[in-house]
Amino acid sequence: MNILFTLFGYAYLSDVPSAKENPHAPSSAFRQSKWFTRGWTLQELLAPMVVVFYDAKWVEIGTKSSLEKLVSHTTRIRSTDHREEASTAQKTSRAAMRQTTRIEDTAYCLLGLSSVNMPLLYGEGEKAFLRL
């Protein structure tokens, strides 16, 4: 599950119907997108230096850089925070604020950000945190 830290990443926000909507509006679909709450998207946000956000029709909304303040406010994560700069406690705290289908996925979504290699054992629940 470790990921390759690349320079470029894509974020498809299937619940954002139109890039024409102002993403900075307080009730915008961009701000309320489930993408910002899912566990597995944490590494998709932090790993690449450049992330391009797309709406449900694959129309570009903007980049992590161009939407820096908005993304930071929405996620409570500074865009300059990369895996080398974050402590284990910060990484764990970020993952804990996100939703996953299974308890162990909260630990597993940290693997790529933590440079840890371990097998995924679905069904182990909270024991995944002890192994991590």
C-alpha atoms as a PDB file:
ATOM      1  CA  MET A   1       0.000   0.000   0.000  1.00  0.00           C
ATOM      2  CA  ASN A   2       2.993   2.315   0.052  1.00  0.00           C
ATOM      3  CA  ILE A   3       2.662   4.962  -2.589  1.00  0.00           C
ATOM      4  CA  LEU A   4       5.199   6.558  -4.818  1.00  0.00           C
ATOM      5  CA  PHE A   5       5.532  10.227  -3.991  1.00  0.00           C
ATOM      6  CA  THR A   6       5.105  11.881  -7.328  1.00  0.00           C
ATOM      7  CA  LEU A   7       5.184  15.445  -8.489  1.00  0.00           C
ATOM      8  CA  PHE A   8       1.669  15.413  -9.896  1.00  0.00           C
ATOM      9  CA  GLY A   9      -1.701  14.032  -8.788  1.00  0.00           C
ATOM     10  CA  TYR A  10      -5.347  14.194  -9.822  1.00  0.00           C
ATOM     11  CA  ALA A  11      -8.282  14.557  -7.449  1.00  0.00           C
ATOM     12  CA  TYR A  12     -11.647  13.602  -8.934  1.00  0.00           C
ATOM     13  CA  LEU A  13     -14.455  15.103  -6.856  1.00  0.00           C
ATOM     14  CA  SER A  14     -17.465  13.133  -8.084  1.00  0.00           C
ATOM     15  CA  ASP A  15     -19.830  15.069  -5.814  1.00  0.00           C
ATOM     16  CA  VAL A  16     -18.912  18.482  -7.242  1.00  0.00           C
ATOM     17  CA  PRO A  17     -21.297  18.954 -10.177  1.00  0.00           C
ATOM     18  CA  SER A  18     -19.720  22.019 -11.786  1.00  0.00           C
ATOM     19  CA  ALA A  19     -16.349  23.752 -11.765  1.00  0.00           C
ATOM     20  CA  LYS A  20     -18.204  26.948 -12.692  1.00  0.00           C
ATOM     21  CA  GLU A  21     -19.435  27.298  -9.114  1.00  0.00           C
ATOM     22  CA  ASN A  22     -17.211  29.502  -6.976  1.00  0.00           C
ATOM     23  CA  PRO A  23     -15.297  27.032  -4.760  1.00  0.00           C
ATOM     24  CA  HIS A  24     -14.699  29.809  -2.211  1.00  0.00           C
ATOM     25  CA  ALA A  25     -18.418  30.283  -1.526  1.00  0.00           C
ATOM     26  CA  PRO A  26     -19.223  29.124   2.032  1.00  0.00           C
ATOM     27  CA  SER A  27     -21.754  26.519   0.878  1.00  0.00           C
ATOM     28  CA  SER A  28     -19.906  25.420  -2.267  1.00  0.00           C
ATOM     29  CA  ALA A  29     -19.964  21.781  -3.296  1.00  0.00           C
ATOM     30  CA  PHE A  30     -16.154  21.908  -3.384  1.00  0.00           C
ATOM     31  CA  ARG A  31     -15.909  22.788   0.317  1.00  0.00           C
ATOM     32  CA  GLN A  32     -18.446  20.104   1.192  1.00  0.00           C
ATOM     33  CA  SER A  33     -16.974  17.378  -1.004  1.00  0.00           C
ATOM     34  CA  LYS A  34     -16.634  13.974   0.646  1.00  0.00           C
ATOM     35  CA  TRP A  35     -13.188  13.725  -0.966  1.00  0.00           C
ATOM     36  CA  PHE A  36     -11.850  15.918   1.848  1.00  0.00           C
ATOM     37  CA  THR A  37     -13.190  13.564   4.525  1.00  0.00           C
ATOM     38  CA  ARG A  38     -12.134  10.148   3.211  1.00  0.00           C
ATOM     39  CA  GLY A  39      -9.168   8.351   4.735  1.00  0.00           C
ATOM     40  CA  TRP A  40      -7.561   7.145   1.540  1.00  0.00           C
ATOM     41  CA  THR A  41      -7.549  10.620  -0.026  1.00  0.00           C
ATOM     42  CA  LEU A  42      -5.227  11.936   2.690  1.00  0.00           C
ATOM     43  CA  GLN A  43      -2.169  10.555   0.929  1.00  0.00           C
ATOM     44  CA  GLU A  44      -3.562  11.692  -2.431  1.00  0.00           C
ATOM     45  CA  LEU A  45      -3.588  15.242  -1.069  1.00  0.00           C
ATOM     46  CA  LEU A  46      -0.239  15.219   0.720  1.00  0.00           C
ATOM     47  CA  ALA A  47       1.964  13.019  -1.449  1.00  0.00           C
ATOM     48  CA  PRO A  48       2.170  14.923  -4.750  1.00  0.00           C
ATOM     49  CA  MET A  49       3.643  18.400  -4.937  1.00  0.00           C
ATOM     50  CA  VAL A  50       0.922  19.399  -7.444  1.00  0.00           C
ATOM     51  CA  VAL A  51      -2.688  18.220  -7.169  1.00  0.00           C
ATOM     52  CA  VAL A  52      -5.290  19.207  -9.754  1.00  0.00           C
ATOM     53  CA  PHE A  53      -8.916  19.073  -8.628  1.00  0.00           C
ATOM     54  CA  TYR A  54     -11.620  18.054 -11.130  1.00  0.00           C
ATOM     55  CA  ASP A  55     -15.407  18.176 -10.905  1.00  0.00           C
ATOM     56  CA  ALA A  56     -17.822  15.345 -11.756  1.00  0.00           C
ATOM     57  CA  LYS A  57     -17.474  16.101 -15.485  1.00  0.00           C
ATOM     58  CA  TRP A  58     -13.650  16.136 -15.353  1.00  0.00           C
ATOM     59  CA  VAL A  59     -13.509  19.929 -15.696  1.00  0.00           C
ATOM     60  CA  GLU A  60     -10.612  21.461 -13.788  1.00  0.00           C
ATOM     61  CA  ILE A  61     -11.614  23.343 -10.631  1.00  0.00           C
ATOM     62  CA  GLY A  62      -8.104  24.414  -9.673  1.00  0.00           C
ATOM     63  CA  THR A  63      -4.879  23.174  -8.134  1.00  0.00           C
ATOM     64  CA  LYS A  64      -3.726  22.594  -4.582  1.00  0.00           C
ATOM     65  CA  SER A  65      -1.585  25.692  -5.044  1.00  0.00           C
ATOM     66  CA  SER A  66      -4.257  27.954  -6.563  1.00  0.00           C
ATOM     67  CA  LEU A  67      -6.776  26.873  -3.915  1.00  0.00           C
ATOM     68  CA  GLU A  68      -4.182  26.710  -1.127  1.00  0.00           C
ATOM     69  CA  LYS A  69      -6.048  28.697   1.542  1.00  0.00           C
ATOM     70  CA  LEU A  70      -9.370  27.036   0.785  1.00  0.00           C
ATOM     71  CA  VAL A  71      -7.926  23.503   0.847  1.00  0.00           C
ATOM     72  CA  SER A  72      -6.025  24.303   4.038  1.00  0.00           C
ATOM     73  CA  HIS A  73      -9.170  25.665   5.702  1.00  0.00           C
ATOM     74  CA  THR A  74     -11.267  22.706   4.545  1.00  0.00           C
ATOM     75  CA  THR A  75      -8.772  20.028   5.611  1.00  0.00           C
ATOM     76  CA  ARG A  76      -7.031  21.853   8.483  1.00  0.00           C
ATOM     77  CA  ILE A  77      -3.747  20.873   6.812  1.00  0.00           C
ATOM     78  CA  ARG A  78      -1.257  23.415   5.486  1.00  0.00           C
ATOM     79  CA  SER A  79      -0.428  22.791   1.837  1.00  0.00           C
ATOM     80  CA  THR A  80       3.263  22.959   2.710  1.00  0.00           C
ATOM     81  CA  ASP A  81       2.932  19.968   5.023  1.00  0.00           C
ATOM     82  CA  HIS A  82       4.530  16.939   3.444  1.00  0.00           C
ATOM     83  CA  ARG A  83       5.332  13.567   4.940  1.00  0.00           C
ATOM     84  CA  GLU A  84       8.840  14.591   6.058  1.00  0.00           C
ATOM     85  CA  GLU A  85       7.536  17.592   7.994  1.00  0.00           C
ATOM     86  CA  ALA A  86       4.706  15.939   9.893  1.00  0.00           C
ATOM     87  CA  SER A  87       5.224  14.076  13.137  1.00  0.00           C
ATOM     88  CA  THR A  88       3.661  10.670  13.716  1.00  0.00           C
ATOM     89  CA  ALA A  89       1.138  12.337  16.039  1.00  0.00           C
ATOM     90  CA  GLN A  90       0.167  14.843  13.320  1.00  0.00           C
ATOM     91  CA  LYS A  91      -0.270  12.104  10.729  1.00  0.00           C
ATOM     92  CA  THR A  92      -2.379  10.011  13.082  1.00  0.00           C
ATOM     93  CA  SER A  93      -4.486  13.030  14.031  1.00  0.00           C
ATOM     94  CA  ARG A  94      -5.144  13.834  10.370  1.00  0.00           C
ATOM     95  CA  ALA A  95      -6.211  10.272   9.644  1.00  0.00           C
ATOM     96  CA  ALA A  96      -8.441  10.168  12.720  1.00  0.00           C
ATOM     97  CA  MET A  97     -10.441  13.129  11.363  1.00  0.00           C
ATOM     98  CA  ARG A  98     -11.256  11.189   8.194  1.00  0.00           C
ATOM     99  CA  GLN A  99     -13.855   8.527   7.472  1.00  0.00           C
ATOM    100  CA  THR A 100     -13.070   4.978   6.428  1.00  0.00           C
ATOM    101  CA  THR A 101     -15.253   1.948   5.835  1.00  0.00           C
ATOM    102  CA  ARG A 102     -13.253  -0.205   8.225  1.00  0.00           C
ATOM    103  CA  ILE A 103     -11.427   0.721  11.428  1.00  0.00           C
ATOM    104  CA  GLU A 104      -8.161  -0.722  10.154  1.00  0.00           C
ATOM    105  CA  ASP A 105      -8.315   1.450   7.022  1.00  0.00           C
ATOM    106  CA  THR A 106      -7.605   4.477   9.216  1.00  0.00           C
ATOM    107  CA  ALA A 107      -4.236   2.897  10.020  1.00  0.00           C
ATOM    108  CA  TYR A 108      -3.669   1.543   6.520  1.00  0.00           C
ATOM    109  CA  CYS A 109      -4.146   4.946   4.876  1.00  0.00           C
ATOM    110  CA  LEU A 110      -1.097   6.115   6.831  1.00  0.00           C
ATOM    111  CA  LEU A 111       1.230   3.501   5.332  1.00  0.00           C
ATOM    112  CA  GLY A 112       2.301   5.538   2.327  1.00  0.00           C
ATOM    113  CA  LEU A 113       2.734   8.686   4.395  1.00  0.00           C
ATOM    114  CA  SER A 114       4.766   6.847   7.018  1.00  0.00           C
ATOM    115  CA  SER A 115       7.070   4.906   4.679  1.00  0.00           C
ATOM    116  CA  VAL A 116       5.975   1.712   6.409  1.00  0.00           C
ATOM    117  CA  ASN A 117       5.540  -1.593   4.632  1.00  0.00           C
ATOM    118  CA  MET A 118       3.200  -4.107   6.236  1.00  0.00           C
ATOM    119  CA  PRO A 119       0.558  -6.516   4.999  1.00  0.00           C
ATOM    120  CA  LEU A 120      -3.092  -5.532   5.148  1.00  0.00           C
ATOM    121  CA  LEU A 121      -5.037  -7.869   7.393  1.00  0.00           C
ATOM    122  CA  TYR A 122      -8.672  -6.972   7.044  1.00  0.00           C
ATOM    123  CA  GLY A 123     -10.638  -7.990  10.088  1.00  0.00           C
ATOM    124  CA  GLU A 124      -7.921  -7.034  12.559  1.00  0.00           C
ATOM    125  CA  GLY A 125      -9.642  -3.765  13.516  1.00  0.00           C
ATOM    126  CA  GLU A 126      -7.742  -1.574  15.977  1.00  0.00           C
ATOM    127  CA  LYS A 127      -4.824  -4.045  16.093  1.00  0.00           C
ATOM    128  CA  ALA A 128      -3.670  -2.422  12.839  1.00  0.00           C
ATOM    129  CA  PHE A 129      -2.612   0.635  14.855  1.00  0.00           C
ATOM    130  CA  LEU A 130      -0.430  -1.500  17.111  1.00  0.00           C
ATOM    131  CA  ARG A 131       1.287  -3.052  14.105  1.00  0.00           C
ATOM    132  CA  LEU A 132       1.752   0.332  12.453  1.00  0.00           C
END
